[in-house]
Amino acid sequence: MTAVPLHRTLEHAADRFRDRAALLAGEERWSFRDLDGRSNALARHLAERGVAAGDRVALMTSNRPEFVVAVHAASKLGAATVLLSPAWKAAEVAHAVGLTGARHAVADGPGAALLAERLGADAVTDLDDPAVADAAFAPSRARLDDRHVGSADDDAVLVFSSGTTGLPKAVRHTHRSLGVATAHWCAALGLGPDDRFQVATPPSHILGLLNLLAATSAGATVRLHRRFDLDEVLHRIASERMTLEMAVAPIALALANHPRLEAYDLSSLRYIMWGATPVTESVAAAVTARTGVRWLPAYGASELPVIAANPVADPAAWRLDSAGLPPADVELRIADLDTGAVLGPGETGEVQARSPSLMAGYLPDAATADAFADGGWYRTGDVGWLEPEGWVHLTDRAKEMIKVKGFQVAPAELEAVLHAHPAVADCAVFGVPDARAGEVPVAAVRLDPGHDVTPDELARLVADTLASYKRLHRVVFVDEIPRLPSGKVLRRTLRDRWTAAPLL
């Protein structure tokens, strides 16, 4: 696979697909040539403000076409884009800017003011300022020459890890690693120029970014939503005949619980892709029973974007109990959680992977060494096992395992049991200290308003379903389960709340 700078993929798409719709946002329609032309203009705007090869440009925007433009504009200059979540507050922005050394920013909404406080107003391109936006995004067919572009192994994009402890780390992806990851994702989705799909999750996270890069590479059309509205998403599937849909756990739950799901015509969908967390089979099955649409599970990480996926070209082989098979040049193995020894098929341990799509490393640099085992194997922090044929099964996060009397208890296993109860709209299991057992599991549960159940009934359900050492110590009812935008549960937040007030 030949590595090219990130922006070359957009230029090739503009030459090939020209005026076909690339992005839809509200009533706006941006073609592939629009995206490339505006990227040329923004690149010149950034160059006039001193951005040069090797620099880092912070990008903090909502879901809008200018996000795609900014990523490719920085690439045209040989600069790297630092993706900041639009939900972040001042302390998080300060950490990200300080860690990455970003010298300029493109932003909208509150992010523009937050970044101006850190970098100075002159160093921020505010997308909500009409004068700035008109000057920075006036389409230009004239492309920059390649004097700004360095090696395919230069940093292209920095995304922040979704760890649940400590301050976020910046994940460094090069033009080469992102190019390989994009090819993996196009293949995993079976993506082509006739496909149409939606992005409602933040593009500052690896899944949102990868979806946009893959769509550009394949010539597919993407509809962007500034915010997630399930009825609007369902309406667009029906009215615009979307061919595939993306879902993380909260979206899947919302689909399963939607009172009028059958009212929408979802027959154009080839599948719904489930990512970010292991599939909750009862939730997935409920959606399929109500819509006829099947699920395509996949598995990735910020550090290695496509680790496994169900084989899109062979629907008869799709499974809900496995994240799938690795792409051709992704290697997987399982290592013992305590010794690091490589384990055989069927044995449970940490999932480790290596691939040309693997990140170059973290910022701070000191965090990189702990992420790798011998021979460049990335330590995912996920617990699982492999079948002899390579199918990967995920049971939990290594750092979130609950150790009860020496036994490893996977929160996801208990959550799957709870999710199967009709009264449970959402839930999360986490470990709390216990003088006798070391740790014990506690479940935070959000109830469906249309059903009724007691904590004892839910605890009994788990006790009746799983081994005795997996029994829940407590079940507490909550109004909301804290999650990252990717859908991952913030178990650390729940543990901290429990410590502060055991009734949450």
Protein backbone atom coordinates (compact mmCIF):
# COMPACT_ATOMS: atom_id res chain seq x y z
CA MET A 1 0.00 0.00 0.00
CA THR A 2 1.53 3.30 -1.10
CA ALA A 3 1.43 6.01 1.59
CA VAL A 4 0.38 9.48 0.47
CA PRO A 5 -0.23 12.68 2.45
CA LEU A 6 -3.72 12.87 3.91
CA HIS A 7 -4.90 15.65 1.60
CA ARG A 8 -3.99 13.68 -1.52
CA THR A 9 -6.98 11.41 -0.88
CA LEU A 10 -9.31 14.42 -0.97
CA GLU A 11 -7.64 15.76 -4.12
CA HIS A 12 -8.05 12.39 -5.83
CA ALA A 13 -11.71 12.30 -4.78
CA ALA A 14 -12.25 15.83 -6.13
CA ASP A 15 -10.74 14.82 -9.47
CA ARG A 16 -12.72 11.59 -9.63
CA PHE A 17 -16.09 12.47 -8.13
CA ARG A 18 -16.06 16.23 -8.82
CA ASP A 19 -19.52 17.70 -8.15
CA ARG A 20 -21.07 14.67 -6.48
CA ALA A 21 -22.35 15.30 -2.95
CA ALA A 22 -19.68 14.64 -0.36
CA LEU A 23 -21.25 16.22 2.72
CA LEU A 24 -24.79 17.22 3.59
CA ALA A 25 -25.43 19.48 6.60
CA GLY A 26 -28.94 20.77 7.12
CA GLU A 27 -29.88 22.12 3.71
CA GLU A 28 -26.24 22.66 2.70
CA ARG A 29 -24.64 20.47 0.07
CA TRP A 30 -20.84 20.31 -0.33
CA SER A 31 -19.32 18.48 -3.29
CA PHE A 32 -15.90 16.83 -3.31
CA ARG A 33 -14.60 19.77 -5.35
CA ASP A 34 -16.10 22.18 -2.79
CA LEU A 35 -14.19 20.46 0.02
CA ASP A 36 -10.90 20.51 -1.87
CA GLY A 37 -11.33 24.10 -3.07
CA ARG A 38 -12.12 25.37 0.41
CA SER A 39 -9.21 23.37 1.83
CA ASN A 40 -6.91 25.19 -0.59
CA ALA A 41 -8.30 28.53 0.60
CA LEU A 42 -7.99 27.70 4.28
CA ALA A 43 -4.45 26.40 3.80
CA ARG A 44 -3.45 29.79 2.35
CA HIS A 45 -5.25 31.58 5.19
CA LEU A 46 -3.35 29.52 7.77
CA ALA A 47 -0.05 30.04 5.95
CA GLU A 48 -0.59 33.81 6.04
CA ARG A 49 -0.92 33.52 9.81
CA GLY A 50 2.38 31.71 10.14
CA VAL A 51 1.32 28.05 10.11
CA ALA A 52 4.06 25.98 8.45
CA ALA A 53 5.22 22.41 8.01
CA GLY A 54 5.70 20.65 11.34
CA ASP A 55 3.27 22.92 13.22
CA ARG A 56 0.17 21.73 15.04
CA VAL A 57 -3.26 23.28 14.55
CA ALA A 58 -5.98 22.76 17.16
CA LEU A 59 -9.42 21.98 15.74
CA MET A 60 -12.45 22.35 18.03
CA THR A 61 -15.73 22.39 16.15
CA SER A 62 -19.18 20.91 16.06
CA ASN A 63 -20.17 18.50 13.30
CA ARG A 64 -19.88 20.73 10.23
CA PRO A 65 -18.23 20.53 6.79
CA GLU A 66 -15.47 22.94 7.82
CA PHE A 67 -14.09 20.21 10.09
CA VAL A 68 -13.16 18.13 7.04
CA VAL A 69 -11.80 21.23 5.29
CA ALA A 70 -9.54 22.12 8.22
CA VAL A 71 -8.03 18.64 8.56
CA HIS A 72 -7.02 18.63 4.89
CA ALA A 73 -5.91 22.28 4.88
CA ALA A 74 -3.41 21.56 7.64
CA SER A 75 -2.18 18.54 5.71
CA LYS A 76 -1.63 20.68 2.60
CA LEU A 77 0.78 22.76 4.68
CA GLY A 78 2.57 19.78 6.20
CA ALA A 79 1.04 20.64 9.59
CA ALA A 80 -0.81 18.27 11.91
CA THR A 81 -4.32 18.71 13.26
CA VAL A 82 -5.00 18.35 16.99
CA LEU A 83 -8.61 17.26 17.52
CA LEU A 84 -10.30 18.74 20.59
CA SER A 85 -13.75 17.73 21.78
CA PRO A 86 -16.26 20.57 21.50
CA ALA A 87 -17.59 19.48 24.90
CA TRP A 88 -14.33 20.27 26.67
CA LYS A 89 -13.99 23.04 29.22
CA ALA A 90 -11.13 25.44 29.94
CA ALA A 91 -8.93 23.03 31.93
CA GLU A 92 -9.18 20.31 29.28
CA VAL A 93 -8.40 22.75 26.46
CA ALA A 94 -5.43 24.11 28.39
CA HIS A 95 -4.09 20.60 28.91
CA ALA A 96 -4.47 19.67 25.24
CA VAL A 97 -2.89 22.86 23.90
CA GLY A 98 -0.03 22.69 26.37
CA LEU A 99 0.64 19.02 25.67
CA THR A 100 0.64 19.31 21.87
CA GLY A 101 2.13 22.79 21.45
CA ALA A 102 -0.59 23.89 19.03
CA ARG A 103 0.16 27.40 17.72
CA HIS A 104 -3.05 28.15 15.83
CA ALA A 105 -6.67 26.99 16.08
CA VAL A 106 -9.81 26.63 14.01
CA ALA A 107 -12.92 26.62 16.17
CA ASP A 108 -16.57 27.52 16.60
CA GLY A 109 -18.93 28.15 19.49
CA PRO A 110 -17.43 28.40 23.00
CA GLY A 111 -14.27 26.70 21.75
CA ALA A 112 -13.19 29.81 19.86
CA ALA A 113 -13.15 31.88 23.05
CA LEU A 114 -11.46 29.15 25.08
CA LEU A 115 -8.68 28.79 22.52
CA ALA A 116 -8.30 32.56 22.17
CA GLU A 117 -7.62 32.68 25.92
CA ARG A 118 -4.77 30.21 25.44
CA LEU A 119 -3.35 31.27 22.07
CA GLY A 120 -4.50 34.87 21.58
CA ALA A 121 -7.37 36.05 19.39
CA ASP A 122 -5.14 36.49 16.33
CA ALA A 123 -4.22 32.82 16.46
CA VAL A 124 -7.82 31.56 16.21
CA THR A 125 -9.87 31.22 13.02
CA ASP A 126 -13.41 31.59 14.37
CA LEU A 127 -15.89 29.83 12.09
CA ASP A 128 -18.77 31.84 13.58
CA ASP A 129 -17.24 35.16 12.49
CA PRO A 130 -18.71 35.77 9.00
CA ALA A 131 -15.83 38.01 7.88
CA VAL A 132 -13.21 35.46 8.90
CA ALA A 133 -15.15 32.54 7.46
CA ASP A 134 -15.72 34.27 4.10
CA ALA A 135 -12.03 35.10 3.75
CA ALA A 136 -10.74 31.74 4.97
CA PHE A 137 -13.09 29.49 3.02
CA ALA A 138 -13.58 31.19 -0.34
CA PRO A 139 -13.22 28.24 -2.76
CA SER A 140 -9.99 28.06 -4.73
CA ARG A 141 -9.25 25.52 -7.44
CA ALA A 142 -5.54 26.38 -7.32
CA ARG A 143 -3.78 23.76 -5.22
CA LEU A 144 -0.65 24.34 -3.21
CA ASP A 145 2.53 22.81 -4.48
CA ASP A 146 4.27 20.09 -2.49
CA ARG A 147 7.05 22.18 -1.03
CA HIS A 148 5.21 22.11 2.31
CA VAL A 149 4.73 18.36 2.46
CA GLY A 150 7.19 16.16 4.28
CA SER A 151 7.29 12.41 4.85
CA ALA A 152 4.38 10.00 5.01
CA ASP A 153 5.69 9.21 8.49
CA ASP A 154 5.13 12.79 9.71
CA ASP A 155 2.29 13.38 12.14
CA ALA A 156 -1.03 14.06 10.38
CA VAL A 157 -3.63 14.03 13.16
CA LEU A 158 -3.52 13.85 16.95
CA VAL A 159 -6.59 12.47 18.71
CA PHE A 160 -7.06 12.15 22.44
CA SER A 161 -7.41 8.78 24.09
CA SER A 162 -10.66 7.94 25.86
CA GLY A 163 -9.00 6.60 28.97
CA THR A 164 -10.99 6.60 32.20
CA THR A 165 -8.09 7.51 34.49
CA GLY A 166 -5.79 10.51 34.59
CA LEU A 167 -5.46 13.24 31.99
CA PRO A 168 -6.04 12.32 28.34
CA LYS A 169 -3.06 11.34 26.19
CA ALA A 170 -2.62 12.58 22.65
CA VAL A 171 -2.44 9.74 20.13
CA ARG A 172 -0.10 10.56 17.23
CA HIS A 173 -1.18 9.25 13.84
CA THR A 174 0.94 9.71 10.75
CA HIS A 175 -0.20 10.07 7.14
CA ARG A 176 0.86 6.46 6.66
CA SER A 177 -1.00 4.99 9.66
CA LEU A 178 -4.18 6.92 8.89
CA GLY A 179 -4.00 5.93 5.24
CA VAL A 180 -3.81 2.25 6.17
CA ALA A 181 -6.59 2.65 8.76
CA THR A 182 -8.80 4.38 6.19
CA ALA A 183 -8.29 1.52 3.72
CA HIS A 184 -9.11 -0.97 6.49
CA TRP A 185 -12.32 0.88 7.33
CA CYS A 186 -13.45 1.16 3.71
CA ALA A 187 -12.97 -2.59 3.35
CA ALA A 188 -14.63 -3.37 6.69
CA LEU A 189 -17.73 -1.36 5.76
CA GLY A 190 -17.76 -2.46 2.12
CA LEU A 191 -17.91 1.26 1.38
CA GLY A 192 -18.38 2.56 -2.16
CA PRO A 193 -19.52 5.69 -4.03
CA ASP A 194 -23.19 4.64 -3.91
CA ASP A 195 -23.23 4.55 -0.11
CA ARG A 196 -24.88 7.17 2.08
CA PHE A 197 -24.53 7.33 5.85
CA GLN A 198 -24.74 9.74 8.77
CA VAL A 199 -22.31 11.06 11.38
CA ALA A 200 -23.88 12.25 14.61
CA THR A 201 -20.97 11.40 16.90
CA PRO A 202 -18.18 13.97 17.37
CA PRO A 203 -15.58 13.88 14.57
CA SER A 204 -12.95 14.71 17.19
CA HIS A 205 -13.08 11.03 18.19
CA ILE A 206 -11.41 8.37 16.10
CA LEU A 207 -14.65 6.77 14.86
CA GLY A 208 -16.07 10.07 13.63
CA LEU A 209 -12.78 11.03 11.98
CA LEU A 210 -12.35 7.61 10.36
CA ASN A 211 -15.89 7.67 8.98
CA LEU A 212 -15.23 11.01 7.27
CA LEU A 213 -11.84 9.96 5.88
CA ALA A 214 -13.27 6.67 4.59
CA ALA A 215 -16.21 8.41 2.93
CA THR A 216 -13.83 10.76 1.11
CA SER A 217 -11.68 7.86 -0.02
CA ALA A 218 -14.66 5.82 -1.26
CA GLY A 219 -16.65 8.70 -2.72
CA ALA A 220 -19.58 8.07 -0.35
CA THR A 221 -22.00 10.77 0.81
CA VAL A 222 -22.17 11.71 4.50
CA ARG A 223 -24.88 13.65 6.30
CA LEU A 224 -23.58 15.54 9.33
CA HIS A 225 -25.79 16.25 12.35
CA ARG A 226 -24.77 19.03 14.72
CA ARG A 227 -26.36 17.10 17.56
CA PHE A 228 -27.86 13.65 17.95
CA ASP A 229 -31.63 13.53 17.50
CA LEU A 230 -32.86 9.97 17.01
CA ASP A 231 -36.06 10.93 15.21
CA GLU A 232 -34.12 13.14 12.80
CA VAL A 233 -31.63 10.32 12.17
CA LEU A 234 -34.45 7.87 11.49
CA HIS A 235 -36.24 10.38 9.26
CA ARG A 236 -33.10 10.87 7.15
CA ILE A 237 -32.59 7.12 6.76
CA ALA A 238 -36.08 6.85 5.34
CA SER A 239 -36.15 10.04 3.26
CA GLU A 240 -32.61 9.89 1.86
CA ARG A 241 -32.36 6.10 1.63
CA MET A 242 -29.26 5.76 3.75
CA THR A 243 -27.40 2.52 3.09
CA LEU A 244 -25.65 2.04 6.42
CA GLU A 245 -25.87 3.46 9.92
CA MET A 246 -23.37 3.77 12.78
CA ALA A 247 -24.30 3.13 16.40
CA VAL A 248 -22.52 3.15 19.72
CA ALA A 249 -24.15 1.68 22.82
CA PRO A 250 -26.37 4.66 23.79
CA ILE A 251 -27.73 4.92 20.22
CA ALA A 252 -28.42 1.20 20.11
CA LEU A 253 -30.30 1.45 23.40
CA ALA A 254 -32.29 4.41 22.11
CA LEU A 255 -33.24 2.47 18.99
CA ALA A 256 -34.35 -0.55 20.99
CA ASN A 257 -36.47 1.61 23.29
CA HIS A 258 -37.96 3.91 20.62
CA PRO A 259 -41.76 3.67 20.90
CA ARG A 260 -42.36 4.34 17.18
CA LEU A 261 -39.39 2.62 15.56
CA GLU A 262 -41.62 0.60 13.22
CA ALA A 263 -43.05 3.82 11.77
CA TYR A 264 -39.80 4.51 9.91
CA ASP A 265 -38.84 2.76 6.68
CA LEU A 266 -35.30 1.50 7.28
CA SER A 267 -35.30 -0.98 4.40
CA SER A 268 -32.51 0.86 2.53
CA LEU A 269 -29.98 -0.03 5.26
CA ARG A 270 -27.53 -2.81 4.50
CA TYR A 271 -26.67 -2.99 8.20
CA ILE A 272 -26.11 -0.99 11.37
CA MET A 273 -22.48 -0.99 12.51
CA TRP A 274 -21.97 -1.44 16.29
CA GLY A 275 -18.63 -0.11 17.54
CA ALA A 276 -16.79 1.28 20.59
CA THR A 277 -18.14 -1.33 23.03
CA PRO A 278 -18.96 -5.06 22.91
CA VAL A 279 -22.41 -5.79 21.50
CA THR A 280 -25.24 -6.21 23.98
CA GLU A 281 -26.97 -9.08 22.20
CA SER A 282 -30.41 -8.53 23.72
CA VAL A 283 -30.42 -4.89 22.57
CA ALA A 284 -29.19 -5.74 19.07
CA ALA A 285 -31.72 -8.55 18.74
CA ALA A 286 -34.57 -6.25 19.80
CA VAL A 287 -33.71 -3.73 17.08
CA THR A 288 -33.42 -6.41 14.40
CA ALA A 289 -36.73 -7.96 15.42
CA ARG A 290 -38.46 -4.59 15.09
CA THR A 291 -36.79 -3.36 11.88
CA GLY A 292 -35.37 -6.35 10.01
CA VAL A 293 -31.98 -4.61 9.90
CA ARG A 294 -28.97 -6.64 11.00
CA TRP A 295 -25.87 -5.52 12.90
CA LEU A 296 -22.25 -5.53 11.76
CA PRO A 297 -20.03 -5.54 14.88
CA ALA A 298 -16.55 -4.03 14.63
CA TYR A 299 -13.74 -3.23 17.04
CA GLY A 300 -11.08 -0.55 17.11
CA ALA A 301 -9.20 1.93 19.26
CA SER A 302 -7.84 5.43 18.96
CA GLU A 303 -4.37 3.92 18.83
CA LEU A 304 -5.18 1.24 16.21
CA PRO A 305 -8.42 2.26 14.50
CA VAL A 306 -9.56 -1.04 12.94
CA ILE A 307 -8.67 -4.12 14.97
CA ALA A 308 -11.43 -6.46 13.81
CA ALA A 309 -14.77 -6.50 12.01
CA ASN A 310 -17.36 -9.00 10.91
CA PRO A 311 -16.90 -9.90 7.23
CA VAL A 312 -19.13 -7.42 5.42
CA ALA A 313 -19.18 -9.44 2.19
CA ASP A 314 -20.46 -12.57 3.93
CA PRO A 315 -23.64 -11.69 5.87
CA ALA A 316 -24.27 -15.36 6.61
CA ALA A 317 -21.17 -15.31 8.81
CA TRP A 318 -22.06 -12.22 10.87
CA ARG A 319 -22.14 -12.80 14.60
CA LEU A 320 -23.21 -10.78 17.62
CA ASP A 321 -20.98 -12.68 20.03
CA SER A 322 -17.73 -11.67 18.32
CA ALA A 323 -16.22 -8.38 17.13
CA GLY A 324 -15.07 -10.25 14.04
CA LEU A 325 -11.81 -11.02 12.26
CA PRO A 326 -8.75 -8.77 11.93
CA PRO A 327 -7.93 -7.09 8.59
CA ALA A 328 -5.28 -8.81 6.49
CA ASP A 329 -2.31 -6.91 7.93
CA VAL A 330 -3.51 -6.69 11.54
CA GLU A 331 -2.06 -9.36 13.84
CA LEU A 332 -3.75 -10.30 17.12
CA ARG A 333 -2.63 -12.28 20.12
CA ILE A 334 -3.73 -12.82 23.72
CA ALA A 335 -1.35 -12.27 26.63
CA ASP A 336 -1.68 -13.32 30.26
CA LEU A 337 -2.85 -10.38 32.41
CA ASP A 338 -0.24 -11.02 35.08
CA THR A 339 2.81 -12.52 33.34
CA GLY A 340 2.45 -11.25 29.78
CA ALA A 341 2.95 -14.77 28.43
CA VAL A 342 1.30 -15.42 25.07
CA LEU A 343 -1.79 -17.59 25.43
CA GLY A 344 -3.42 -20.06 23.08
CA PRO A 345 -6.87 -20.08 21.44
CA GLY A 346 -9.72 -20.05 23.94
CA GLU A 347 -7.61 -18.65 26.78
CA THR A 348 -8.60 -15.26 28.22
CA GLY A 349 -6.16 -12.39 28.64
CA GLU A 350 -5.25 -8.99 27.24
CA VAL A 351 -5.83 -8.45 23.53
CA GLN A 352 -2.63 -7.24 21.84
CA ALA A 353 -2.27 -6.12 18.23
CA ARG A 354 0.20 -4.80 15.70
CA SER A 355 -0.34 -3.32 12.26
CA PRO A 356 0.92 -0.59 9.91
CA SER A 357 -2.14 1.37 11.07
CA LEU A 358 -0.80 1.56 14.63
CA MET A 359 -0.15 5.00 16.13
CA ALA A 360 3.35 6.46 16.17
CA GLY A 361 3.11 7.00 19.92
CA TYR A 362 1.63 9.20 22.63
CA LEU A 363 2.16 12.63 23.97
CA PRO A 364 3.56 12.80 26.55
CA ASP A 365 6.27 10.59 25.09
CA ALA A 366 6.83 8.93 28.45
CA ALA A 367 3.44 7.22 28.21
CA THR A 368 4.32 5.37 25.00
CA ALA A 369 6.55 2.61 26.40
CA ASP A 370 3.85 1.21 28.70
CA ALA A 371 1.47 0.86 25.74
CA PHE A 372 3.65 -1.73 24.02
CA ALA A 373 4.80 -5.26 24.74
CA ASP A 374 7.77 -6.96 23.11
CA GLY A 375 8.08 -6.72 19.34
CA GLY A 376 5.83 -3.66 18.98
CA TRP A 377 2.62 -5.30 20.15
CA TYR A 378 0.07 -2.67 21.22
CA ARG A 379 -1.51 -3.45 24.57
CA THR A 380 -5.17 -2.62 24.01
CA GLY A 381 -6.16 -2.89 27.66
CA ASP A 382 -9.11 -5.01 26.50
CA VAL A 383 -9.71 -8.47 27.89
CA GLY A 384 -10.80 -11.21 25.54
CA TRP A 385 -9.96 -14.44 23.74
CA LEU A 386 -9.44 -15.74 20.22
CA GLU A 387 -10.97 -18.67 18.40
CA PRO A 388 -8.54 -20.82 16.39
CA GLU A 389 -9.88 -19.21 13.18
CA GLY A 390 -9.09 -15.73 14.52
CA TRP A 391 -12.51 -14.49 15.66
CA VAL A 392 -12.00 -12.17 18.62
CA HIS A 393 -14.24 -12.09 21.68
CA LEU A 394 -14.15 -9.15 24.10
CA THR A 395 -15.12 -9.52 27.72
CA ASP A 396 -14.02 -6.23 29.28
CA ARG A 397 -11.33 -3.67 29.91
CA ALA A 398 -8.30 -4.93 31.85
CA LYS A 399 -8.25 -1.81 34.01
CA GLU A 400 -11.94 -2.18 34.78
CA MET A 401 -11.89 -5.82 35.84
CA ILE A 402 -13.26 -6.42 39.33
CA LYS A 403 -11.18 -8.77 41.45
CA VAL A 404 -13.48 -10.63 43.87
CA LYS A 405 -11.68 -13.03 46.22
CA GLY A 406 -9.01 -13.50 43.57
CA PHE A 407 -11.48 -14.09 40.74
CA GLN A 408 -11.58 -11.69 37.78
CA VAL A 409 -15.13 -10.42 37.21
CA ALA A 410 -15.94 -8.65 33.94
CA PRO A 411 -18.46 -5.79 34.36
CA ALA A 412 -19.71 -6.29 30.80
CA GLU A 413 -20.83 -9.83 31.64
CA LEU A 414 -23.04 -8.61 34.48
CA GLU A 415 -24.31 -5.71 32.39
CA ALA A 416 -25.42 -8.08 29.64
CA VAL A 417 -27.61 -9.92 32.13
CA LEU A 418 -29.14 -6.69 33.42
CA HIS A 419 -29.74 -5.33 29.91
CA ALA A 420 -31.88 -8.36 29.14
CA HIS A 421 -34.45 -7.27 31.76
CA PRO A 422 -37.21 -5.17 30.15
CA ALA A 423 -37.13 -2.61 32.98
CA VAL A 424 -33.46 -1.75 32.42
CA ALA A 425 -32.94 1.11 29.95
CA ASP A 426 -29.20 1.41 30.68
CA CYS A 427 -26.74 0.20 33.28
CA ALA A 428 -23.09 0.06 34.31
CA VAL A 429 -21.27 -2.23 36.74
CA PHE A 430 -18.18 -1.11 38.65
CA GLY A 431 -16.04 -2.40 41.49
CA VAL A 432 -15.85 -0.93 45.00
CA PRO A 433 -13.46 -1.85 47.84
CA ASP A 434 -14.58 -4.54 50.27
CA ALA A 435 -12.77 -5.59 53.44
CA ARG A 436 -13.40 -9.31 52.94
CA ALA A 437 -13.51 -9.80 49.18
CA GLY A 438 -11.06 -7.12 48.10
CA GLU A 439 -13.63 -5.74 45.66
CA VAL A 440 -17.32 -6.31 45.01
CA PRO A 441 -19.46 -5.32 42.03
CA VAL A 442 -22.10 -2.59 42.22
CA ALA A 443 -24.63 -1.86 39.46
CA ALA A 444 -25.94 1.59 38.59
CA VAL A 445 -29.21 1.18 36.69
CA ARG A 446 -31.38 3.62 34.75
CA LEU A 447 -34.92 2.31 34.59
CA ASP A 448 -37.34 2.41 31.69
CA PRO A 449 -40.24 4.63 32.87
CA GLY A 450 -42.76 2.13 31.50
CA HIS A 451 -41.58 -0.75 33.71
CA ASP A 452 -41.08 -1.46 37.37
CA VAL A 453 -38.54 -3.58 39.22
CA THR A 454 -36.81 -3.57 42.60
CA PRO A 455 -33.04 -3.61 43.25
CA ASP A 456 -33.39 -7.01 44.90
CA GLU A 457 -35.08 -8.45 41.80
CA LEU A 458 -32.24 -7.30 39.57
CA ALA A 459 -29.61 -8.59 41.99
CA ARG A 460 -31.43 -11.92 42.07
CA LEU A 461 -31.46 -12.06 38.25
CA VAL A 462 -27.65 -11.79 38.18
CA ALA A 463 -27.26 -14.28 41.03
CA ASP A 464 -29.50 -16.75 39.22
CA THR A 465 -27.63 -16.35 35.94
CA LEU A 466 -23.93 -16.17 36.84
CA ALA A 467 -21.44 -17.76 39.22
CA SER A 468 -21.75 -16.92 42.91
CA TYR A 469 -18.63 -14.75 43.02
CA LYS A 470 -20.21 -12.52 40.35
CA ARG A 471 -23.15 -11.57 42.56
CA LEU A 472 -23.93 -7.87 42.82
CA HIS A 473 -23.18 -6.26 46.15
CA ARG A 474 -25.68 -3.48 45.49
CA VAL A 475 -28.03 -2.19 42.80
CA VAL A 476 -28.69 1.54 42.80
CA PHE A 477 -31.08 3.44 40.55
CA VAL A 478 -29.72 6.54 38.79
CA ASP A 479 -31.06 9.12 36.34
CA GLU A 480 -28.19 8.72 33.87
CA ILE A 481 -25.19 6.49 33.17
CA PRO A 482 -22.10 8.67 32.53
CA ARG A 483 -20.51 7.86 29.18
CA LEU A 484 -17.93 9.30 26.84
CA PRO A 485 -19.19 10.49 23.42
CA SER A 486 -17.87 7.19 22.04
CA GLY A 487 -20.33 5.32 24.24
CA LYS A 488 -17.81 3.93 26.74
CA VAL A 489 -19.02 3.93 30.34
CA LEU A 490 -17.12 6.17 32.78
CA ARG A 491 -16.80 3.56 35.53
CA ARG A 492 -14.21 5.68 37.33
CA THR A 493 -16.81 8.45 37.66
CA LEU A 494 -19.30 6.01 39.16
CA ARG A 495 -16.69 4.69 41.59
CA ASP A 496 -15.81 8.23 42.67
CA ARG A 497 -19.47 9.05 43.23
CA TRP A 498 -19.87 5.89 45.28
CA THR A 499 -16.89 6.82 47.43
CA ALA A 500 -18.35 10.26 48.05
CA ALA A 501 -21.89 8.98 48.71
CA PRO A 502 -22.51 5.20 48.63
CA LEU A 503 -26.08 5.69 47.42
CA LEU A 504 -24.80 7.67 44.37
